[in-house]
């Protein structure tokens, strides 16, 4: 699980990343990366809307995305803010497909 210091918690933070961040679209996710604003740790946020599915499906997708971000935490630059929005196809995507989407976008936007 991502530590509290590695999570975006306020709506204004999400909005700032989505509006100012660089966008990368994959088959199942859209990733927004706002480059290092501070010297703190990288922070992640997740947007999984009702279009993805019911509560059980949404929570499953969110948990998978959190696990993927925890794996890639070391490769992300310090201070970067990242928001990952799940598309409806994420509900039926395998863990490997989600991993390739997230890794591709993080590698492209955080370097």
C-alpha atoms as a PDB file:
ATOM      1  CA  UNK A   1       0.000   0.000   0.000  1.00  0.00           C
ATOM      2  CA  UNK A   2       1.190   3.496  -0.767  1.00  0.00           C
ATOM      3  CA  UNK A   3       2.233   5.513   2.283  1.00  0.00           C
ATOM      4  CA  UNK A   4       0.260   8.661   3.025  1.00  0.00           C
ATOM      5  CA  UNK A   5       3.182  10.845   1.960  1.00  0.00           C
ATOM      6  CA  UNK A   6       2.983   9.196  -1.491  1.00  0.00           C
ATOM      7  CA  UNK A   7      -0.696   9.989  -2.076  1.00  0.00           C
ATOM      8  CA  UNK A   8      -2.543  13.024  -3.359  1.00  0.00           C
ATOM      9  CA  UNK A   9      -5.315  13.755  -0.896  1.00  0.00           C
ATOM     10  CA  UNK A  10      -7.008  17.022  -1.836  1.00  0.00           C
ATOM     11  CA  UNK A  11      -9.229  17.779  -4.786  1.00  0.00           C
ATOM     12  CA  UNK A  12      -7.216  20.893  -5.592  1.00  0.00           C
ATOM     13  CA  UNK A  13      -4.066  18.762  -5.946  1.00  0.00           C
ATOM     14  CA  UNK A  14      -5.814  16.437  -8.398  1.00  0.00           C
ATOM     15  CA  UNK A  15      -7.117  19.386 -10.377  1.00  0.00           C
ATOM     16  CA  UNK A  16      -3.685  21.009 -10.573  1.00  0.00           C
ATOM     17  CA  UNK A  17      -2.049  17.827 -11.871  1.00  0.00           C
ATOM     18  CA  UNK A  18      -4.754  17.192 -14.470  1.00  0.00           C
ATOM     19  CA  UNK A  19      -4.714  20.790 -15.697  1.00  0.00           C
ATOM     20  CA  UNK A  20      -0.958  21.461 -15.653  1.00  0.00           C
ATOM     21  CA  UNK A  21       0.503  17.988 -16.038  1.00  0.00           C
ATOM     22  CA  UNK A  22       1.696  16.253 -19.174  1.00  0.00           C
ATOM     23  CA  UNK A  23      -0.755  13.666 -20.488  1.00  0.00           C
ATOM     24  CA  UNK A  24      -0.085  10.142 -21.711  1.00  0.00           C
ATOM     25  CA  UNK A  25      -2.925   7.933 -22.934  1.00  0.00           C
ATOM     26  CA  UNK A  26      -2.747   4.165 -22.896  1.00  0.00           C
ATOM     27  CA  UNK A  27      -5.290   1.516 -23.822  1.00  0.00           C
ATOM     28  CA  UNK A  28      -6.733   1.313 -20.300  1.00  0.00           C
ATOM     29  CA  UNK A  29      -5.474   4.415 -18.475  1.00  0.00           C
ATOM     30  CA  UNK A  30      -4.693   8.083 -18.933  1.00  0.00           C
ATOM     31  CA  UNK A  31      -1.711   9.307 -16.912  1.00  0.00           C
ATOM     32  CA  UNK A  32      -1.030  12.922 -15.984  1.00  0.00           C
ATOM     33  CA  UNK A  33       2.420  13.854 -14.666  1.00  0.00           C
ATOM     34  CA  UNK A  34       3.231  17.212 -13.124  1.00  0.00           C
ATOM     35  CA  UNK A  35       7.022  17.399 -12.915  1.00  0.00           C
ATOM     36  CA  UNK A  36       8.804  18.050  -9.607  1.00  0.00           C
ATOM     37  CA  UNK A  37       7.140  20.969  -7.898  1.00  0.00           C
ATOM     38  CA  UNK A  38       8.781  20.327  -4.520  1.00  0.00           C
ATOM     39  CA  UNK A  39      11.644  18.236  -3.173  1.00  0.00           C
ATOM     40  CA  UNK A  40       9.283  15.848  -1.397  1.00  0.00           C
ATOM     41  CA  UNK A  41       8.441  12.305  -2.399  1.00  0.00           C
ATOM     42  CA  UNK A  42       6.512  11.416  -5.544  1.00  0.00           C
ATOM     43  CA  UNK A  43       2.744  11.430  -4.983  1.00  0.00           C
ATOM     44  CA  UNK A  44       0.059   9.433  -6.777  1.00  0.00           C
ATOM     45  CA  UNK A  45      -3.674   9.886  -7.187  1.00  0.00           C
ATOM     46  CA  UNK A  46      -6.268   7.684  -8.858  1.00  0.00           C
ATOM     47  CA  UNK A  47      -9.524   8.495 -10.621  1.00  0.00           C
ATOM     48  CA  UNK A  48     -11.840   5.538 -11.197  1.00  0.00           C
ATOM     49  CA  UNK A  49     -15.308   6.685 -12.225  1.00  0.00           C
ATOM     50  CA  UNK A  50     -18.610   4.816 -12.276  1.00  0.00           C
ATOM     51  CA  UNK A  51     -18.159   4.232 -16.001  1.00  0.00           C
ATOM     52  CA  UNK A  52     -15.557   1.611 -15.077  1.00  0.00           C
ATOM     53  CA  UNK A  53     -18.133  -0.477 -13.218  1.00  0.00           C
ATOM     54  CA  UNK A  54     -19.749  -1.096  -9.881  1.00  0.00           C
ATOM     55  CA  UNK A  55     -18.087  -0.476  -6.530  1.00  0.00           C
ATOM     56  CA  UNK A  56     -16.384  -3.872  -6.396  1.00  0.00           C
ATOM     57  CA  UNK A  57     -14.906  -3.469  -9.874  1.00  0.00           C
ATOM     58  CA  UNK A  58     -13.805   0.120  -9.235  1.00  0.00           C
ATOM     59  CA  UNK A  59     -12.079  -0.834  -5.991  1.00  0.00           C
ATOM     60  CA  UNK A  60     -10.349  -3.771  -7.680  1.00  0.00           C
ATOM     61  CA  UNK A  61      -9.026  -1.507 -10.431  1.00  0.00           C
ATOM     62  CA  UNK A  62      -7.909   1.098  -7.865  1.00  0.00           C
ATOM     63  CA  UNK A  63      -6.079  -1.545  -5.795  1.00  0.00           C
ATOM     64  CA  UNK A  64      -4.314  -2.850  -8.904  1.00  0.00           C
ATOM     65  CA  UNK A  65      -3.210   0.655  -9.885  1.00  0.00           C
ATOM     66  CA  UNK A  66      -1.930   1.338  -6.355  1.00  0.00           C
ATOM     67  CA  UNK A  67       0.095  -1.878  -6.416  1.00  0.00           C
ATOM     68  CA  UNK A  68       1.609  -0.962  -9.787  1.00  0.00           C
ATOM     69  CA  UNK A  69       2.549   2.514  -8.556  1.00  0.00           C
ATOM     70  CA  UNK A  70       4.147   1.064  -5.434  1.00  0.00           C
ATOM     71  CA  UNK A  71       6.300  -1.144  -7.684  1.00  0.00           C
ATOM     72  CA  UNK A  72       7.395   1.796  -9.832  1.00  0.00           C
ATOM     73  CA  UNK A  73       7.882   4.284  -6.983  1.00  0.00           C
ATOM     74  CA  UNK A  74      11.680   4.110  -7.208  1.00  0.00           C
ATOM     75  CA  UNK A  75      11.733   4.888 -10.934  1.00  0.00           C
ATOM     76  CA  UNK A  76       9.640   8.047 -10.560  1.00  0.00           C
ATOM     77  CA  UNK A  77      11.364  11.348  -9.902  1.00  0.00           C
ATOM     78  CA  UNK A  78      11.191  12.857  -6.433  1.00  0.00           C
ATOM     79  CA  UNK A  79       8.533  15.533  -6.127  1.00  0.00           C
ATOM     80  CA  UNK A  80       6.524  14.434  -9.182  1.00  0.00           C
ATOM     81  CA  UNK A  81       2.739  14.421  -8.839  1.00  0.00           C
ATOM     82  CA  UNK A  82       0.982  11.730 -10.873  1.00  0.00           C
ATOM     83  CA  UNK A  83      -2.722  11.112 -11.461  1.00  0.00           C
ATOM     84  CA  UNK A  84      -3.867   7.932 -13.196  1.00  0.00           C
ATOM     85  CA  UNK A  85      -7.401   7.890 -14.594  1.00  0.00           C
ATOM     86  CA  UNK A  86      -8.831   4.462 -15.351  1.00  0.00           C
ATOM     87  CA  UNK A  87     -10.806   4.065 -18.570  1.00  0.00           C
ATOM     88  CA  UNK A  88     -13.820   1.709 -18.756  1.00  0.00           C
ATOM     89  CA  UNK A  89     -11.689  -0.943 -20.463  1.00  0.00           C
ATOM     90  CA  UNK A  90      -9.560  -1.192 -17.287  1.00  0.00           C
ATOM     91  CA  UNK A  91     -12.321  -3.263 -15.679  1.00  0.00           C
ATOM     92  CA  UNK A  92     -11.662  -6.211 -17.978  1.00  0.00           C
ATOM     93  CA  UNK A  93      -7.910  -5.674 -18.420  1.00  0.00           C
ATOM     94  CA  UNK A  94      -5.464  -8.128 -16.944  1.00  0.00           C
ATOM     95  CA  UNK A  95      -2.910  -7.061 -14.356  1.00  0.00           C
ATOM     96  CA  UNK A  96      -0.156  -7.421 -16.975  1.00  0.00           C
ATOM     97  CA  UNK A  97      -2.007  -5.124 -19.402  1.00  0.00           C
ATOM     98  CA  UNK A  98      -2.439  -2.472 -16.711  1.00  0.00           C
ATOM     99  CA  UNK A  99       1.234  -2.823 -15.777  1.00  0.00           C
ATOM    100  CA  UNK A 100       2.379  -2.244 -19.359  1.00  0.00           C
ATOM    101  CA  UNK A 101       0.113   0.823 -19.671  1.00  0.00           C
ATOM    102  CA  UNK A 102       1.326   2.396 -16.446  1.00  0.00           C
ATOM    103  CA  UNK A 103       5.010   1.586 -16.983  1.00  0.00           C
ATOM    104  CA  UNK A 104       4.935   2.926 -20.547  1.00  0.00           C
ATOM    105  CA  UNK A 105       3.409   6.233 -19.525  1.00  0.00           C
ATOM    106  CA  UNK A 106       5.562   6.682 -16.429  1.00  0.00           C
ATOM    107  CA  UNK A 107       8.717   5.956 -18.413  1.00  0.00           C
ATOM    108  CA  UNK A 108       7.691   8.423 -21.088  1.00  0.00           C
ATOM    109  CA  UNK A 109       6.605  11.272 -18.815  1.00  0.00           C
ATOM    110  CA  UNK A 110       8.953  11.093 -15.859  1.00  0.00           C
ATOM    111  CA  UNK A 111      12.224  11.066 -17.783  1.00  0.00           C
END
